[in-house]
Amino acid sequence: MRRSNLSLATAIAVCLVSVWAFAVDGEALVQQTCTKCHDLTRVRAAFGVKDQAAWSTTVVRMLAKPNAPAVGAEEQAAIIGWLSAQKK
Protein backbone atom coordinates (compact mmCIF):
# COMPACT_ATOMS: atom_id res chain seq x y z
CA MET A 1 0.00 0.00 0.00
CA ARG A 2 2.77 2.42 0.94
CA ARG A 3 4.59 1.70 -2.31
CA SER A 4 1.49 2.40 -4.42
CA ASN A 5 0.90 5.69 -2.57
CA LEU A 6 4.47 6.72 -3.30
CA SER A 7 4.04 5.76 -6.96
CA LEU A 8 0.82 7.72 -7.20
CA ALA A 9 2.39 10.77 -5.54
CA THR A 10 5.35 10.58 -7.93
CA ALA A 11 3.07 10.33 -10.96
CA ILE A 12 1.06 13.34 -9.82
CA ALA A 13 4.23 15.34 -9.21
CA VAL A 14 5.52 14.53 -12.71
CA CYS A 15 2.22 15.65 -14.24
CA LEU A 16 2.19 18.89 -12.27
CA VAL A 17 5.78 19.70 -13.23
CA SER A 18 4.94 19.00 -16.88
CA VAL A 19 1.95 21.36 -16.76
CA TRP A 20 4.03 24.05 -15.02
CA ALA A 21 6.85 23.71 -17.58
CA PHE A 22 4.36 24.12 -20.42
CA ALA A 23 2.73 27.12 -18.77
CA VAL A 24 5.99 29.05 -18.62
CA ASP A 25 7.24 28.11 -22.10
CA GLY A 26 7.56 31.57 -23.60
CA GLU A 27 7.83 30.44 -27.21
CA ALA A 28 4.67 28.34 -27.01
CA LEU A 29 2.85 31.17 -25.25
CA VAL A 30 3.89 33.63 -27.97
CA GLN A 31 2.63 31.21 -30.63
CA GLN A 32 -0.67 30.67 -28.81
CA THR A 33 -1.29 34.21 -27.62
CA CYS A 34 0.13 36.66 -30.15
CA THR A 35 -1.25 34.81 -33.16
CA LYS A 36 -4.79 35.32 -31.88
CA CYS A 37 -4.62 38.85 -33.30
CA HIS A 38 -1.79 38.87 -35.86
CA ASP A 39 0.93 36.79 -37.49
CA LEU A 40 4.44 36.74 -36.10
CA THR A 41 6.21 38.53 -38.97
CA ARG A 42 6.06 41.89 -37.22
CA VAL A 43 7.08 40.31 -33.92
CA ARG A 44 10.11 38.64 -35.52
CA ALA A 45 11.14 41.95 -37.10
CA ALA A 46 11.67 43.36 -33.60
CA PHE A 47 13.89 40.47 -32.43
CA GLY A 48 17.21 41.93 -31.31
CA VAL A 49 15.87 45.48 -31.62
CA LYS A 50 13.65 45.68 -28.55
CA ASP A 51 15.03 45.11 -25.08
CA GLN A 52 13.08 43.69 -22.15
CA ALA A 53 11.58 47.08 -21.21
CA ALA A 54 10.42 47.71 -24.78
CA TRP A 55 8.91 44.21 -25.05
CA SER A 56 7.20 44.70 -21.71
CA THR A 57 5.60 47.91 -22.96
CA THR A 58 4.52 46.23 -26.19
CA VAL A 59 3.08 43.14 -24.50
CA VAL A 60 1.18 45.19 -21.92
CA ARG A 61 -0.23 47.42 -24.69
CA MET A 62 -1.29 44.43 -26.81
CA LEU A 63 -2.90 42.62 -23.88
CA ALA A 64 -4.91 45.75 -23.00
CA LYS A 65 -6.74 45.60 -26.33
CA PRO A 66 -10.40 44.52 -26.15
CA ASN A 67 -9.99 41.26 -28.10
CA ALA A 68 -6.72 40.19 -26.46
CA PRO A 69 -6.59 36.76 -24.86
CA ALA A 70 -6.44 36.51 -21.08
CA VAL A 71 -2.86 36.05 -19.89
CA GLY A 72 -1.77 35.66 -16.28
CA ALA A 73 1.22 37.42 -14.73
CA GLU A 74 3.45 34.34 -14.91
CA GLU A 75 2.58 33.76 -18.55
CA GLN A 76 3.10 37.44 -19.36
CA ALA A 77 6.55 37.33 -17.75
CA ALA A 78 7.42 34.21 -19.76
CA ILE A 79 6.32 35.88 -23.01
CA ILE A 80 8.36 39.02 -22.29
CA GLY A 81 11.38 36.98 -21.23
CA TRP A 82 11.29 34.85 -24.36
CA LEU A 83 10.75 37.80 -26.71
CA SER A 84 13.58 39.82 -25.16
CA ALA A 85 15.98 36.86 -25.45
CA GLN A 86 15.49 36.51 -29.22
CA LYS A 87 18.18 37.77 -31.60
CA LYS A 88 18.01 38.39 -35.32
C-alpha atoms as a PDB file:
ATOM      1  CA  MET A   1       0.000   0.000   0.000  1.00  0.00           C
ATOM      2  CA  ARG A   2       2.768   2.416   0.938  1.00  0.00           C
ATOM      3  CA  ARG A   3       4.586   1.700  -2.308  1.00  0.00           C
ATOM      4  CA  SER A   4       1.486   2.398  -4.420  1.00  0.00           C
ATOM      5  CA  ASN A   5       0.897   5.685  -2.568  1.00  0.00           C
ATOM      6  CA  LEU A   6       4.471   6.716  -3.303  1.00  0.00           C
ATOM      7  CA  SER A   7       4.045   5.758  -6.962  1.00  0.00           C
ATOM      8  CA  LEU A   8       0.822   7.722  -7.200  1.00  0.00           C
ATOM      9  CA  ALA A   9       2.393  10.770  -5.536  1.00  0.00           C
ATOM     10  CA  THR A  10       5.350  10.575  -7.933  1.00  0.00           C
ATOM     11  CA  ALA A  11       3.068  10.333 -10.964  1.00  0.00           C
ATOM     12  CA  ILE A  12       1.056  13.339  -9.815  1.00  0.00           C
ATOM     13  CA  ALA A  13       4.230  15.338  -9.205  1.00  0.00           C
ATOM     14  CA  VAL A  14       5.520  14.535 -12.706  1.00  0.00           C
ATOM     15  CA  CYS A  15       2.221  15.648 -14.239  1.00  0.00           C
ATOM     16  CA  LEU A  16       2.195  18.891 -12.270  1.00  0.00           C
ATOM     17  CA  VAL A  17       5.776  19.701 -13.232  1.00  0.00           C
ATOM     18  CA  SER A  18       4.938  18.997 -16.880  1.00  0.00           C
ATOM     19  CA  VAL A  19       1.954  21.361 -16.763  1.00  0.00           C
ATOM     20  CA  TRP A  20       4.031  24.046 -15.023  1.00  0.00           C
ATOM     21  CA  ALA A  21       6.846  23.705 -17.576  1.00  0.00           C
ATOM     22  CA  PHE A  22       4.356  24.117 -20.421  1.00  0.00           C
ATOM     23  CA  ALA A  23       2.729  27.123 -18.770  1.00  0.00           C
ATOM     24  CA  VAL A  24       5.993  29.049 -18.620  1.00  0.00           C
ATOM     25  CA  ASP A  25       7.239  28.113 -22.102  1.00  0.00           C
ATOM     26  CA  GLY A  26       7.558  31.570 -23.604  1.00  0.00           C
ATOM     27  CA  GLU A  27       7.830  30.442 -27.209  1.00  0.00           C
ATOM     28  CA  ALA A  28       4.668  28.342 -27.006  1.00  0.00           C
ATOM     29  CA  LEU A  29       2.850  31.171 -25.254  1.00  0.00           C
ATOM     30  CA  VAL A  30       3.889  33.631 -27.970  1.00  0.00           C
ATOM     31  CA  GLN A  31       2.632  31.212 -30.628  1.00  0.00           C
ATOM     32  CA  GLN A  32      -0.671  30.666 -28.812  1.00  0.00           C
ATOM     33  CA  THR A  33      -1.286  34.215 -27.620  1.00  0.00           C
ATOM     34  CA  CYS A  34       0.129  36.656 -30.148  1.00  0.00           C
ATOM     35  CA  THR A  35      -1.250  34.810 -33.156  1.00  0.00           C
ATOM     36  CA  LYS A  36      -4.787  35.315 -31.879  1.00  0.00           C
ATOM     37  CA  CYS A  37      -4.620  38.849 -33.303  1.00  0.00           C
ATOM     38  CA  HIS A  38      -1.790  38.873 -35.863  1.00  0.00           C
ATOM     39  CA  ASP A  39       0.931  36.791 -37.495  1.00  0.00           C
ATOM     40  CA  LEU A  40       4.443  36.740 -36.099  1.00  0.00           C
ATOM     41  CA  THR A  41       6.211  38.532 -38.972  1.00  0.00           C
ATOM     42  CA  ARG A  42       6.062  41.887 -37.216  1.00  0.00           C
ATOM     43  CA  VAL A  43       7.084  40.308 -33.924  1.00  0.00           C
ATOM     44  CA  ARG A  44      10.111  38.637 -35.516  1.00  0.00           C
ATOM     45  CA  ALA A  45      11.136  41.947 -37.105  1.00  0.00           C
ATOM     46  CA  ALA A  46      11.674  43.356 -33.602  1.00  0.00           C
ATOM     47  CA  PHE A  47      13.892  40.475 -32.430  1.00  0.00           C
ATOM     48  CA  GLY A  48      17.207  41.932 -31.310  1.00  0.00           C
ATOM     49  CA  VAL A  49      15.866  45.480 -31.615  1.00  0.00           C
ATOM     50  CA  LYS A  50      13.648  45.684 -28.554  1.00  0.00           C
ATOM     51  CA  ASP A  51      15.030  45.108 -25.084  1.00  0.00           C
ATOM     52  CA  GLN A  52      13.084  43.695 -22.150  1.00  0.00           C
ATOM     53  CA  ALA A  53      11.579  47.081 -21.211  1.00  0.00           C
ATOM     54  CA  ALA A  54      10.417  47.712 -24.781  1.00  0.00           C
ATOM     55  CA  TRP A  55       8.912  44.213 -25.046  1.00  0.00           C
ATOM     56  CA  SER A  56       7.196  44.697 -21.712  1.00  0.00           C
ATOM     57  CA  THR A  57       5.596  47.907 -22.961  1.00  0.00           C
ATOM     58  CA  THR A  58       4.524  46.232 -26.195  1.00  0.00           C
ATOM     59  CA  VAL A  59       3.077  43.140 -24.501  1.00  0.00           C
ATOM     60  CA  VAL A  60       1.177  45.193 -21.917  1.00  0.00           C
ATOM     61  CA  ARG A  61      -0.226  47.418 -24.689  1.00  0.00           C
ATOM     62  CA  MET A  62      -1.286  44.435 -26.809  1.00  0.00           C
ATOM     63  CA  LEU A  63      -2.902  42.623 -23.877  1.00  0.00           C
ATOM     64  CA  ALA A  64      -4.907  45.747 -23.004  1.00  0.00           C
ATOM     65  CA  LYS A  65      -6.741  45.597 -26.333  1.00  0.00           C
ATOM     66  CA  PRO A  66     -10.397  44.523 -26.152  1.00  0.00           C
ATOM     67  CA  ASN A  67      -9.988  41.262 -28.101  1.00  0.00           C
ATOM     68  CA  ALA A  68      -6.724  40.185 -26.458  1.00  0.00           C
ATOM     69  CA  PRO A  69      -6.587  36.755 -24.856  1.00  0.00           C
ATOM     70  CA  ALA A  70      -6.439  36.511 -21.076  1.00  0.00           C
ATOM     71  CA  VAL A  71      -2.856  36.054 -19.886  1.00  0.00           C
ATOM     72  CA  GLY A  72      -1.772  35.659 -16.280  1.00  0.00           C
ATOM     73  CA  ALA A  73       1.216  37.424 -14.734  1.00  0.00           C
ATOM     74  CA  GLU A  74       3.453  34.337 -14.912  1.00  0.00           C
ATOM     75  CA  GLU A  75       2.579  33.764 -18.554  1.00  0.00           C
ATOM     76  CA  GLN A  76       3.100  37.445 -19.365  1.00  0.00           C
ATOM     77  CA  ALA A  77       6.549  37.334 -17.747  1.00  0.00           C
ATOM     78  CA  ALA A  78       7.419  34.213 -19.765  1.00  0.00           C
ATOM     79  CA  ILE A  79       6.317  35.880 -23.006  1.00  0.00           C
ATOM     80  CA  ILE A  80       8.357  39.017 -22.292  1.00  0.00           C
ATOM     81  CA  GLY A  81      11.376  36.984 -21.233  1.00  0.00           C
ATOM     82  CA  TRP A  82      11.291  34.849 -24.361  1.00  0.00           C
ATOM     83  CA  LEU A  83      10.751  37.800 -26.709  1.00  0.00           C
ATOM     84  CA  SER A  84      13.580  39.820 -25.164  1.00  0.00           C
ATOM     85  CA  ALA A  85      15.978  36.857 -25.449  1.00  0.00           C
ATOM     86  CA  GLN A  86      15.491  36.505 -29.217  1.00  0.00           C
ATOM     87  CA  LYS A  87      18.175  37.770 -31.597  1.00  0.00           C
ATOM     88  CA  LYS A  88      18.013  38.393 -35.324  1.00  0.00           C
END
